[in-house]
Amino acid sequence: MSFLAWIVLGLLAGFIASKIVDRQGSGWAGDILLGVAGAVLGGSFFTLLGIGGAGCIKLHGLLVSVSGAILVLLAFHLIRRVV
């Protein structure tokens, strides 16, 4: 997948995950970083399970990326609360 596609998928996944977890966005840059990290985490996790990762901008790839972004966002909030 091209770099631009990862950015678009990351933006969408980060935005959706931000709205699900804390009902407010993290800004464009934060949403992109969160989404790309979530796409990588979700893609790696789903690949380990044998389901397949976030390889394209389709529903499956978006769901994998959003689930990873939700985990990244929850971990971020937990670490921020502890520190």
C-alpha atoms as a PDB file:
ATOM      1  CA  MET A   1       0.000   0.000   0.000  1.00  0.00           C
ATOM      2  CA  SER A   2       1.313   3.449  -0.845  1.00  0.00           C
ATOM      3  CA  PHE A   3       2.372   6.000   1.751  1.00  0.00           C
ATOM      4  CA  LEU A   4      -0.561   8.249   0.877  1.00  0.00           C
ATOM      5  CA  ALA A   5      -2.995   5.363   1.348  1.00  0.00           C
ATOM      6  CA  TRP A   6      -1.510   4.673   4.812  1.00  0.00           C
ATOM      7  CA  ILE A   7      -2.006   8.346   5.702  1.00  0.00           C
ATOM      8  CA  VAL A   8      -5.628   8.298   4.531  1.00  0.00           C
ATOM      9  CA  LEU A   9      -6.351   5.009   6.296  1.00  0.00           C
ATOM     10  CA  GLY A  10      -4.575   6.264   9.416  1.00  0.00           C
ATOM     11  CA  LEU A  11      -6.562   9.490   9.412  1.00  0.00           C
ATOM     12  CA  LEU A  12      -9.859   7.660   9.088  1.00  0.00           C
ATOM     13  CA  ALA A  13      -8.969   5.038  11.701  1.00  0.00           C
ATOM     14  CA  GLY A  14      -7.624   7.601  14.170  1.00  0.00           C
ATOM     15  CA  PHE A  15     -10.646   9.857  13.764  1.00  0.00           C
ATOM     16  CA  ILE A  16     -13.127   7.003  14.241  1.00  0.00           C
ATOM     17  CA  ALA A  17     -11.216   5.573  17.216  1.00  0.00           C
ATOM     18  CA  SER A  18     -10.986   9.014  18.850  1.00  0.00           C
ATOM     19  CA  LYS A  19     -14.743   9.457  18.533  1.00  0.00           C
ATOM     20  CA  ILE A  20     -15.414   5.981  19.956  1.00  0.00           C
ATOM     21  CA  VAL A  21     -13.042   6.193  22.916  1.00  0.00           C
ATOM     22  CA  ASP A  22     -13.206   9.776  24.143  1.00  0.00           C
ATOM     23  CA  ARG A  23     -15.726  11.491  21.845  1.00  0.00           C
ATOM     24  CA  GLN A  24     -13.249  14.155  20.795  1.00  0.00           C
ATOM     25  CA  GLY A  25     -10.541  14.150  18.199  1.00  0.00           C
ATOM     26  CA  SER A  26      -6.847  14.484  18.845  1.00  0.00           C
ATOM     27  CA  GLY A  27      -6.326  16.982  16.032  1.00  0.00           C
ATOM     28  CA  TRP A  28      -5.316  16.102  12.489  1.00  0.00           C
ATOM     29  CA  ALA A  29      -1.732  15.193  13.350  1.00  0.00           C
ATOM     30  CA  GLY A  30      -2.720  13.223  16.439  1.00  0.00           C
ATOM     31  CA  ASP A  31      -5.437  11.349  14.545  1.00  0.00           C
ATOM     32  CA  ILE A  32      -3.015  10.450  11.750  1.00  0.00           C
ATOM     33  CA  LEU A  33      -0.290   9.269  14.132  1.00  0.00           C
ATOM     34  CA  LEU A  34      -2.764   7.332  16.250  1.00  0.00           C
ATOM     35  CA  GLY A  35      -4.369   5.802  13.189  1.00  0.00           C
ATOM     36  CA  VAL A  36      -1.114   4.771  11.528  1.00  0.00           C
ATOM     37  CA  ALA A  37       0.117   3.273  14.815  1.00  0.00           C
ATOM     38  CA  GLY A  38      -3.231   1.505  15.153  1.00  0.00           C
ATOM     39  CA  ALA A  39      -3.068   0.240  11.592  1.00  0.00           C
ATOM     40  CA  VAL A  40       0.383  -1.205  12.214  1.00  0.00           C
ATOM     41  CA  LEU A  41      -0.601  -2.704  15.576  1.00  0.00           C
ATOM     42  CA  GLY A  42      -3.937  -4.034  14.337  1.00  0.00           C
ATOM     43  CA  GLY A  43      -2.426  -5.348  11.117  1.00  0.00           C
ATOM     44  CA  SER A  44       0.341  -7.146  12.989  1.00  0.00           C
ATOM     45  CA  PHE A  45      -2.053  -8.624  15.533  1.00  0.00           C
ATOM     46  CA  PHE A  46      -4.579  -9.807  12.953  1.00  0.00           C
ATOM     47  CA  THR A  47      -1.772 -11.252  10.810  1.00  0.00           C
ATOM     48  CA  LEU A  48      -0.523 -13.244  13.811  1.00  0.00           C
ATOM     49  CA  LEU A  49      -4.055 -14.603  14.239  1.00  0.00           C
ATOM     50  CA  GLY A  50      -4.076 -15.589  10.560  1.00  0.00           C
ATOM     51  CA  ILE A  51      -6.971 -13.282   9.687  1.00  0.00           C
ATOM     52  CA  GLY A  52      -5.002 -10.795   7.617  1.00  0.00           C
ATOM     53  CA  GLY A  53      -3.945  -7.247   8.258  1.00  0.00           C
ATOM     54  CA  ALA A  54      -4.727  -3.771   7.049  1.00  0.00           C
ATOM     55  CA  GLY A  55      -3.570  -4.050   3.482  1.00  0.00           C
ATOM     56  CA  CYS A  56      -5.961  -1.747   1.694  1.00  0.00           C
ATOM     57  CA  ILE A  57      -8.574   0.949   2.107  1.00  0.00           C
ATOM     58  CA  LYS A  58     -11.572  -1.341   2.283  1.00  0.00           C
ATOM     59  CA  LEU A  59     -13.927  -2.237   5.102  1.00  0.00           C
ATOM     60  CA  HIS A  60     -11.701  -5.032   6.430  1.00  0.00           C
ATOM     61  CA  GLY A  61      -8.604  -2.849   6.449  1.00  0.00           C
ATOM     62  CA  LEU A  62     -10.488  -0.009   8.103  1.00  0.00           C
ATOM     63  CA  LEU A  63     -11.901  -2.297  10.818  1.00  0.00           C
ATOM     64  CA  VAL A  64      -8.460  -3.736  11.536  1.00  0.00           C
ATOM     65  CA  SER A  65      -6.972  -0.242  11.698  1.00  0.00           C
ATOM     66  CA  VAL A  66      -9.743   1.142  13.903  1.00  0.00           C
ATOM     67  CA  SER A  67      -9.468  -1.764  16.340  1.00  0.00           C
ATOM     68  CA  GLY A  68      -5.714  -1.225  16.587  1.00  0.00           C
ATOM     69  CA  ALA A  69      -6.175   2.529  16.978  1.00  0.00           C
ATOM     70  CA  ILE A  70      -8.676   1.972  19.794  1.00  0.00           C
ATOM     71  CA  LEU A  71      -6.109  -0.167  21.623  1.00  0.00           C
ATOM     72  CA  VAL A  72      -3.398   2.449  21.072  1.00  0.00           C
ATOM     73  CA  LEU A  73      -5.696   5.240  22.293  1.00  0.00           C
ATOM     74  CA  LEU A  74      -6.750   3.292  25.411  1.00  0.00           C
ATOM     75  CA  ALA A  75      -3.096   2.568  26.222  1.00  0.00           C
ATOM     76  CA  PHE A  76      -2.227   6.238  25.667  1.00  0.00           C
ATOM     77  CA  HIS A  77      -4.954   7.390  28.063  1.00  0.00           C
ATOM     78  CA  LEU A  78      -3.924   4.797  30.649  1.00  0.00           C
ATOM     79  CA  ILE A  79      -0.272   5.844  30.524  1.00  0.00           C
ATOM     80  CA  ARG A  80      -1.171   9.531  30.619  1.00  0.00           C
ATOM     81  CA  ARG A  81      -3.391   8.961  33.666  1.00  0.00           C
ATOM     82  CA  VAL A  82      -0.662   7.047  35.537  1.00  0.00           C
ATOM     83  CA  VAL A  83       2.044   9.588  34.754  1.00  0.00           C
END
